[in-house]
Amino acid sequence: MGPWILEHWDTDGTKSFCSNGSRAALAIPGAPGEAQVEVLSNGERILLRRRDREVGIRMPEGEGFGLCAVPIATDLPAGFGWIGNPQLVLKVPSVAAVDLPAFAPPLRHHAAIHGGTNVNVVEVIAPGEARIRSWERGVEGETLCCGTGCAVAAAWLAHTGGPSEWCLHTAGGEDVSASLVPEAGGAWRDLWLSGPVRRLGRVQPDPSLQP
């Protein structure tokens, strides 16, 4: 049997890889029942695993994935990475003090980044523990938790002298955990992001959406 195939659409109608959307898919009726599932999500090869009430995702890895040079000048410590979508991470003294609707859009639409980028601000509060807020393209606003942003933030923090396991406090009030094996040149291996997944309700698709 081949991988489970998923596609994610952003609210603006574009399609891009979404790690939290992929994790949440294991909570829908008809999802595969195995503890670990091979998935092709918007063309990216990932793994999903169940552990109690959490679902973990092993992020895409290999050639083309990882940290690279930050394409813009910034006064803040910053990292940039490709994880199936682009992620800019900036370290700030306090995420709560950032006026994200004013701060993020000029970076999200910066001319030096073709197609734009997600923007994440991160505040390290202890070794292996940080707060994070994210502004996502496609949504064009702050979201409660950007899974790919959390993963790239953890990878960048690990590559810049931090530990390889992180607990990230998200804007939604729930924590996610990230762990990885940092590799040379900004690459990663076994980059896992895990967090709670629960079903909030049921919707009935419009008949026009049925195959």
C-alpha atoms as a PDB file:
ATOM      1  CA  MET A   1       0.000   0.000   0.000  1.00  0.00           C
ATOM      2  CA  GLY A   2       1.291   3.473  -0.879  1.00  0.00           C
ATOM      3  CA  PRO A   3       1.357   6.549   1.363  1.00  0.00           C
ATOM      4  CA  TRP A   4      -1.786   8.299   2.574  1.00  0.00           C
ATOM      5  CA  ILE A   5      -2.241  11.358   0.331  1.00  0.00           C
ATOM      6  CA  LEU A   6      -3.289  14.733   1.761  1.00  0.00           C
ATOM      7  CA  GLU A   7      -3.716  18.201   0.256  1.00  0.00           C
ATOM      8  CA  HIS A   8      -4.031  21.451   2.188  1.00  0.00           C
ATOM      9  CA  TRP A   9      -5.487  24.727   0.927  1.00  0.00           C
ATOM     10  CA  ASP A  10      -4.827  28.060   2.603  1.00  0.00           C
ATOM     11  CA  THR A  11      -7.672  30.501   3.106  1.00  0.00           C
ATOM     12  CA  ASP A  12      -6.589  32.505   0.057  1.00  0.00           C
ATOM     13  CA  GLY A  13      -7.073  29.453  -2.156  1.00  0.00           C
ATOM     14  CA  THR A  14      -3.409  28.561  -2.590  1.00  0.00           C
ATOM     15  CA  LYS A  15      -1.994  25.144  -1.743  1.00  0.00           C
ATOM     16  CA  SER A  16       1.063  24.582   0.432  1.00  0.00           C
ATOM     17  CA  PHE A  17       2.424  22.031   2.875  1.00  0.00           C
ATOM     18  CA  CYS A  18       0.877  22.380   6.345  1.00  0.00           C
ATOM     19  CA  SER A  19       2.249  20.322   9.219  1.00  0.00           C
ATOM     20  CA  ASN A  20      -0.561  21.020  11.695  1.00  0.00           C
ATOM     21  CA  GLY A  21      -3.155  20.308   9.031  1.00  0.00           C
ATOM     22  CA  SER A  22      -1.411  17.000   8.380  1.00  0.00           C
ATOM     23  CA  ARG A  23      -1.300  16.172  12.106  1.00  0.00           C
ATOM     24  CA  ALA A  24      -4.965  17.058  12.563  1.00  0.00           C
ATOM     25  CA  ALA A  25      -5.953  14.819   9.664  1.00  0.00           C
ATOM     26  CA  LEU A  26      -5.359  11.762  11.864  1.00  0.00           C
ATOM     27  CA  ALA A  27      -8.356  12.847  13.972  1.00  0.00           C
ATOM     28  CA  ILE A  28     -10.865  12.737  11.112  1.00  0.00           C
ATOM     29  CA  PRO A  29     -13.188   9.774  10.525  1.00  0.00           C
ATOM     30  CA  GLY A  30     -11.682   7.320   8.091  1.00  0.00           C
ATOM     31  CA  ALA A  31      -8.062   8.197   8.842  1.00  0.00           C
ATOM     32  CA  PRO A  32      -5.607   5.289   8.895  1.00  0.00           C
ATOM     33  CA  GLY A  33      -5.593   3.531  12.251  1.00  0.00           C
ATOM     34  CA  GLU A  34      -1.931   2.560  12.477  1.00  0.00           C
ATOM     35  CA  ALA A  35       0.300   4.027  15.162  1.00  0.00           C
ATOM     36  CA  GLN A  36       2.630   5.350  12.442  1.00  0.00           C
ATOM     37  CA  VAL A  37       1.482   6.369   8.953  1.00  0.00           C
ATOM     38  CA  GLU A  38       3.474   7.204   5.833  1.00  0.00           C
ATOM     39  CA  VAL A  39       1.997  10.314   4.212  1.00  0.00           C
ATOM     40  CA  LEU A  40       2.425  12.362   1.049  1.00  0.00           C
ATOM     41  CA  SER A  41       1.181  15.809   2.117  1.00  0.00           C
ATOM     42  CA  ASN A  42       1.082  18.417  -0.652  1.00  0.00           C
ATOM     43  CA  GLY A  43       3.823  16.415  -2.304  1.00  0.00           C
ATOM     44  CA  GLU A  44       6.061  16.258   0.789  1.00  0.00           C
ATOM     45  CA  ARG A  45       6.981  12.869   2.269  1.00  0.00           C
ATOM     46  CA  ILE A  46       6.366  12.806   6.018  1.00  0.00           C
ATOM     47  CA  LEU A  47       5.508  10.404   8.818  1.00  0.00           C
ATOM     48  CA  LEU A  48       2.673  10.788  11.315  1.00  0.00           C
ATOM     49  CA  ARG A  49       2.569   8.938  14.631  1.00  0.00           C
ATOM     50  CA  ARG A  50       0.049   8.663  17.441  1.00  0.00           C
ATOM     51  CA  ARG A  51       1.077   8.782  21.089  1.00  0.00           C
ATOM     52  CA  ASP A  52      -1.784   8.984  23.578  1.00  0.00           C
ATOM     53  CA  ARG A  53      -3.615  12.254  22.760  1.00  0.00           C
ATOM     54  CA  GLU A  54      -0.763  13.675  20.731  1.00  0.00           C
ATOM     55  CA  VAL A  55       0.112  13.352  17.072  1.00  0.00           C
ATOM     56  CA  GLY A  56       3.690  13.830  15.939  1.00  0.00           C
ATOM     57  CA  ILE A  57       4.967  14.618  12.473  1.00  0.00           C
ATOM     58  CA  ARG A  58       8.411  13.909  11.079  1.00  0.00           C
ATOM     59  CA  MET A  59       9.107  16.848   8.826  1.00  0.00           C
ATOM     60  CA  PRO A  60      10.435  16.612   5.270  1.00  0.00           C
ATOM     61  CA  GLU A  61      14.198  16.160   5.148  1.00  0.00           C
ATOM     62  CA  GLY A  62      16.989  15.634   2.684  1.00  0.00           C
ATOM     63  CA  GLU A  63      18.160  17.677  -0.271  1.00  0.00           C
ATOM     64  CA  GLY A  64      16.526  21.118  -0.436  1.00  0.00           C
ATOM     65  CA  PHE A  65      15.276  21.109   3.154  1.00  0.00           C
ATOM     66  CA  GLY A  66      17.004  22.944   5.985  1.00  0.00           C
ATOM     67  CA  LEU A  67      18.370  26.295   7.056  1.00  0.00           C
ATOM     68  CA  CYS A  68      20.008  28.649   4.607  1.00  0.00           C
ATOM     69  CA  ALA A  69      21.300  32.208   4.456  1.00  0.00           C
ATOM     70  CA  VAL A  70      18.839  34.831   5.656  1.00  0.00           C
ATOM     71  CA  PRO A  71      17.896  36.692   2.466  1.00  0.00           C
ATOM     72  CA  ILE A  72      17.245  40.070   4.093  1.00  0.00           C
ATOM     73  CA  ALA A  73      19.101  42.399   6.447  1.00  0.00           C
ATOM     74  CA  THR A  74      17.764  42.585   9.993  1.00  0.00           C
ATOM     75  CA  ASP A  75      18.950  44.066  13.267  1.00  0.00           C
ATOM     76  CA  LEU A  76      17.620  41.001  15.106  1.00  0.00           C
ATOM     77  CA  PRO A  77      19.212  37.548  15.257  1.00  0.00           C
ATOM     78  CA  ALA A  78      17.454  35.646  12.491  1.00  0.00           C
ATOM     79  CA  GLY A  79      17.252  32.309  10.720  1.00  0.00           C
ATOM     80  CA  PHE A  80      15.610  31.231   7.486  1.00  0.00           C
ATOM     81  CA  GLY A  81      14.665  27.776   6.313  1.00  0.00           C
ATOM     82  CA  TRP A  82      12.696  25.720   3.797  1.00  0.00           C
ATOM     83  CA  ILE A  83      10.499  22.959   5.230  1.00  0.00           C
ATOM     84  CA  GLY A  84       7.994  22.577   2.407  1.00  0.00           C
ATOM     85  CA  ASN A  85       7.278  26.285   2.852  1.00  0.00           C
ATOM     86  CA  PRO A  86       9.547  29.247   3.710  1.00  0.00           C
ATOM     87  CA  GLN A  87      10.049  30.281   7.331  1.00  0.00           C
ATOM     88  CA  LEU A  88      11.760  33.394   8.689  1.00  0.00           C
ATOM     89  CA  VAL A  89      12.530  33.251  12.433  1.00  0.00           C
ATOM     90  CA  LEU A  90      13.615  36.266  14.473  1.00  0.00           C
ATOM     91  CA  LYS A  91      14.720  36.204  18.100  1.00  0.00           C
ATOM     92  CA  VAL A  92      13.170  38.995  20.206  1.00  0.00           C
ATOM     93  CA  PRO A  93      13.365  39.943  23.892  1.00  0.00           C
ATOM     94  CA  SER A  94       9.577  39.519  24.302  1.00  0.00           C
ATOM     95  CA  VAL A  95       7.067  38.087  21.844  1.00  0.00           C
ATOM     96  CA  ALA A  96       4.245  39.800  23.721  1.00  0.00           C
ATOM     97  CA  ALA A  97       5.807  43.203  23.072  1.00  0.00           C
ATOM     98  CA  VAL A  98       5.895  42.730  19.276  1.00  0.00           C
ATOM     99  CA  ASP A  99       3.140  44.499  17.323  1.00  0.00           C
ATOM    100  CA  LEU A 100       2.925  41.600  14.895  1.00  0.00           C
ATOM    101  CA  PRO A 101       0.341  43.132  12.493  1.00  0.00           C
ATOM    102  CA  ALA A 102       2.747  46.037  11.928  1.00  0.00           C
ATOM    103  CA  PHE A 103       6.023  44.116  12.219  1.00  0.00           C
ATOM    104  CA  ALA A 104       5.365  41.031  10.111  1.00  0.00           C
ATOM    105  CA  PRO A 105       3.779  42.125   6.771  1.00  0.00           C
ATOM    106  CA  PRO A 106       6.819  44.033   5.415  1.00  0.00           C
ATOM    107  CA  LEU A 107       8.921  40.908   6.041  1.00  0.00           C
ATOM    108  CA  ARG A 108       6.249  38.519   4.777  1.00  0.00           C
ATOM    109  CA  HIS A 109       6.100  40.438   1.452  1.00  0.00           C
ATOM    110  CA  HIS A 110       9.791  41.376   1.205  1.00  0.00           C
ATOM    111  CA  ALA A 111      10.923  41.648  -2.414  1.00  0.00           C
ATOM    112  CA  ALA A 112      14.052  39.593  -1.691  1.00  0.00           C
ATOM    113  CA  ILE A 113      11.959  36.514  -0.886  1.00  0.00           C
ATOM    114  CA  HIS A 114      10.172  35.228  -3.976  1.00  0.00           C
ATOM    115  CA  GLY A 115       6.627  34.266  -3.042  1.00  0.00           C
ATOM    116  CA  GLY A 116       6.999  35.701   0.442  1.00  0.00           C
ATOM    117  CA  THR A 117       7.536  33.904   3.727  1.00  0.00           C
ATOM    118  CA  ASN A 118       5.964  33.031   7.018  1.00  0.00           C
ATOM    119  CA  VAL A 119       7.294  35.202   9.842  1.00  0.00           C
ATOM    120  CA  ASN A 120       7.938  33.879  13.349  1.00  0.00           C
ATOM    121  CA  VAL A 121       9.156  35.732  16.441  1.00  0.00           C
ATOM    122  CA  VAL A 122      10.666  33.629  19.207  1.00  0.00           C
ATOM    123  CA  GLU A 123      11.625  34.449  22.796  1.00  0.00           C
ATOM    124  CA  VAL A 124      13.949  32.022  24.570  1.00  0.00           C
ATOM    125  CA  ILE A 125      12.998  31.832  28.249  1.00  0.00           C
ATOM    126  CA  ALA A 126      15.191  28.886  29.314  1.00  0.00           C
ATOM    127  CA  PRO A 127      17.406  26.288  27.645  1.00  0.00           C
ATOM    128  CA  GLY A 128      15.048  24.224  25.502  1.00  0.00           C
ATOM    129  CA  GLU A 129      12.027  26.432  26.214  1.00  0.00           C
ATOM    130  CA  ALA A 130      10.688  29.350  24.187  1.00  0.00           C
ATOM    131  CA  ARG A 131       7.605  31.369  23.339  1.00  0.00           C
ATOM    132  CA  ILE A 132       6.642  31.811  19.690  1.00  0.00           C
ATOM    133  CA  ARG A 133       4.177  33.799  17.604  1.00  0.00           C
ATOM    134  CA  SER A 134       3.650  33.352  13.866  1.00  0.00           C
ATOM    135  CA  TRP A 135       2.299  35.368  10.945  1.00  0.00           C
ATOM    136  CA  GLU A 136       1.359  33.042   8.089  1.00  0.00           C
ATOM    137  CA  ARG A 137       1.167  33.752   4.393  1.00  0.00           C
ATOM    138  CA  GLY A 138      -2.055  32.541   2.809  1.00  0.00           C
ATOM    139  CA  VAL A 139      -3.843  33.344   6.054  1.00  0.00           C
ATOM    140  CA  GLU A 140      -2.290  36.838   6.065  1.00  0.00           C
ATOM    141  CA  GLY A 141      -2.539  37.073   9.801  1.00  0.00           C
ATOM    142  CA  GLU A 142      -1.360  35.677  13.105  1.00  0.00           C
ATOM    143  CA  THR A 143      -2.296  32.066  13.747  1.00  0.00           C
ATOM    144  CA  LEU A 144      -2.551  30.190  17.030  1.00  0.00           C
ATOM    145  CA  CYS A 145       0.248  27.831  16.060  1.00  0.00           C
ATOM    146  CA  CYS A 146       2.322  27.432  12.894  1.00  0.00           C
ATOM    147  CA  GLY A 147       3.755  23.929  13.071  1.00  0.00           C
ATOM    148  CA  THR A 148       6.341  24.393  10.337  1.00  0.00           C
ATOM    149  CA  GLY A 149       7.363  27.695  11.921  1.00  0.00           C
ATOM    150  CA  CYS A 150       7.817  25.999  15.294  1.00  0.00           C
ATOM    151  CA  ALA A 151       9.908  23.272  13.685  1.00  0.00           C
ATOM    152  CA  VAL A 152      12.212  25.665  11.833  1.00  0.00           C
ATOM    153  CA  ALA A 153      12.535  27.821  14.955  1.00  0.00           C
ATOM    154  CA  ALA A 154      13.637  24.769  16.959  1.00  0.00           C
ATOM    155  CA  ALA A 155      16.065  23.738  14.209  1.00  0.00           C
ATOM    156  CA  TRP A 156      17.593  27.220  14.053  1.00  0.00           C
ATOM    157  CA  LEU A 157      17.907  27.440  17.842  1.00  0.00           C
ATOM    158  CA  ALA A 158      19.563  24.013  17.897  1.00  0.00           C
ATOM    159  CA  HIS A 159      21.978  24.971  15.118  1.00  0.00           C
ATOM    160  CA  THR A 160      22.949  28.188  16.931  1.00  0.00           C
ATOM    161  CA  GLY A 161      24.086  26.583  20.159  1.00  0.00           C
ATOM    162  CA  GLY A 162      20.840  25.545  21.794  1.00  0.00           C
ATOM    163  CA  PRO A 163      19.687  22.045  22.711  1.00  0.00           C
ATOM    164  CA  SER A 164      18.152  19.694  20.148  1.00  0.00           C
ATOM    165  CA  GLU A 165      14.857  19.360  22.056  1.00  0.00           C
ATOM    166  CA  TRP A 166      12.473  22.294  22.598  1.00  0.00           C
ATOM    167  CA  CYS A 167       9.155  23.018  24.272  1.00  0.00           C
ATOM    168  CA  LEU A 168       7.455  25.876  22.442  1.00  0.00           C
ATOM    169  CA  HIS A 169       4.635  27.891  24.018  1.00  0.00           C
ATOM    170  CA  THR A 170       2.310  28.944  21.198  1.00  0.00           C
ATOM    171  CA  ALA A 171      -0.099  31.857  20.861  1.00  0.00           C
ATOM    172  CA  GLY A 172      -2.987  29.393  21.177  1.00  0.00           C
ATOM    173  CA  GLY A 173      -1.959  28.545  24.735  1.00  0.00           C
ATOM    174  CA  GLU A 174      -0.947  24.964  23.981  1.00  0.00           C
ATOM    175  CA  ASP A 175       2.601  23.654  23.941  1.00  0.00           C
ATOM    176  CA  VAL A 176       4.273  21.729  21.156  1.00  0.00           C
ATOM    177  CA  SER A 177       7.538  19.831  21.395  1.00  0.00           C
ATOM    178  CA  ALA A 178      10.239  19.630  18.765  1.00  0.00           C
ATOM    179  CA  SER A 179      13.322  17.453  18.539  1.00  0.00           C
ATOM    180  CA  LEU A 180      15.874  16.899  15.805  1.00  0.00           C
ATOM    181  CA  VAL A 181      19.330  15.732  14.857  1.00  0.00           C
ATOM    182  CA  PRO A 182      21.155  18.824  13.505  1.00  0.00           C
ATOM    183  CA  GLU A 183      23.387  18.111  10.526  1.00  0.00           C
ATOM    184  CA  ALA A 184      26.079  20.038   8.699  1.00  0.00           C
ATOM    185  CA  GLY A 185      25.170  23.013   6.572  1.00  0.00           C
ATOM    186  CA  GLY A 186      21.891  23.721   8.350  1.00  0.00           C
ATOM    187  CA  ALA A 187      20.276  20.404   7.437  1.00  0.00           C
ATOM    188  CA  TRP A 188      18.309  18.276   9.870  1.00  0.00           C
ATOM    189  CA  ARG A 189      17.351  14.657  10.388  1.00  0.00           C
ATOM    190  CA  ASP A 190      14.412  13.229  12.341  1.00  0.00           C
ATOM    191  CA  LEU A 191      12.869  16.646  12.924  1.00  0.00           C
ATOM    192  CA  TRP A 192       9.726  15.729  14.852  1.00  0.00           C
ATOM    193  CA  LEU A 193       7.006  18.128  15.992  1.00  0.00           C
ATOM    194  CA  SER A 194       4.399  16.795  18.427  1.00  0.00           C
ATOM    195  CA  GLY A 195       1.378  18.276  20.115  1.00  0.00           C
ATOM    196  CA  PRO A 196      -2.230  17.663  21.100  1.00  0.00           C
ATOM    197  CA  VAL A 197      -4.857  16.941  18.466  1.00  0.00           C
ATOM    198  CA  ARG A 198      -8.590  16.818  19.173  1.00  0.00           C
ATOM    199  CA  ARG A 199     -11.723  16.805  17.066  1.00  0.00           C
ATOM    200  CA  LEU A 200     -13.721  20.029  17.475  1.00  0.00           C
ATOM    201  CA  GLY A 201     -16.797  19.112  15.444  1.00  0.00           C
ATOM    202  CA  ARG A 202     -18.099  17.809  12.156  1.00  0.00           C
ATOM    203  CA  VAL A 203     -18.864  19.631   8.897  1.00  0.00           C
ATOM    204  CA  GLN A 204     -20.708  18.457   5.823  1.00  0.00           C
ATOM    205  CA  PRO A 205     -18.957  19.410   2.565  1.00  0.00           C
ATOM    206  CA  ASP A 206     -21.033  21.064  -0.127  1.00  0.00           C
ATOM    207  CA  PRO A 207     -22.135  18.468  -2.717  1.00  0.00           C
ATOM    208  CA  SER A 208     -20.144  20.349  -5.370  1.00  0.00           C
ATOM    209  CA  LEU A 209     -16.944  19.332  -3.556  1.00  0.00           C
ATOM    210  CA  GLN A 210     -17.678  15.624  -3.714  1.00  0.00           C
ATOM    211  CA  PRO A 211     -15.680  13.632  -6.277  1.00  0.00           C
END
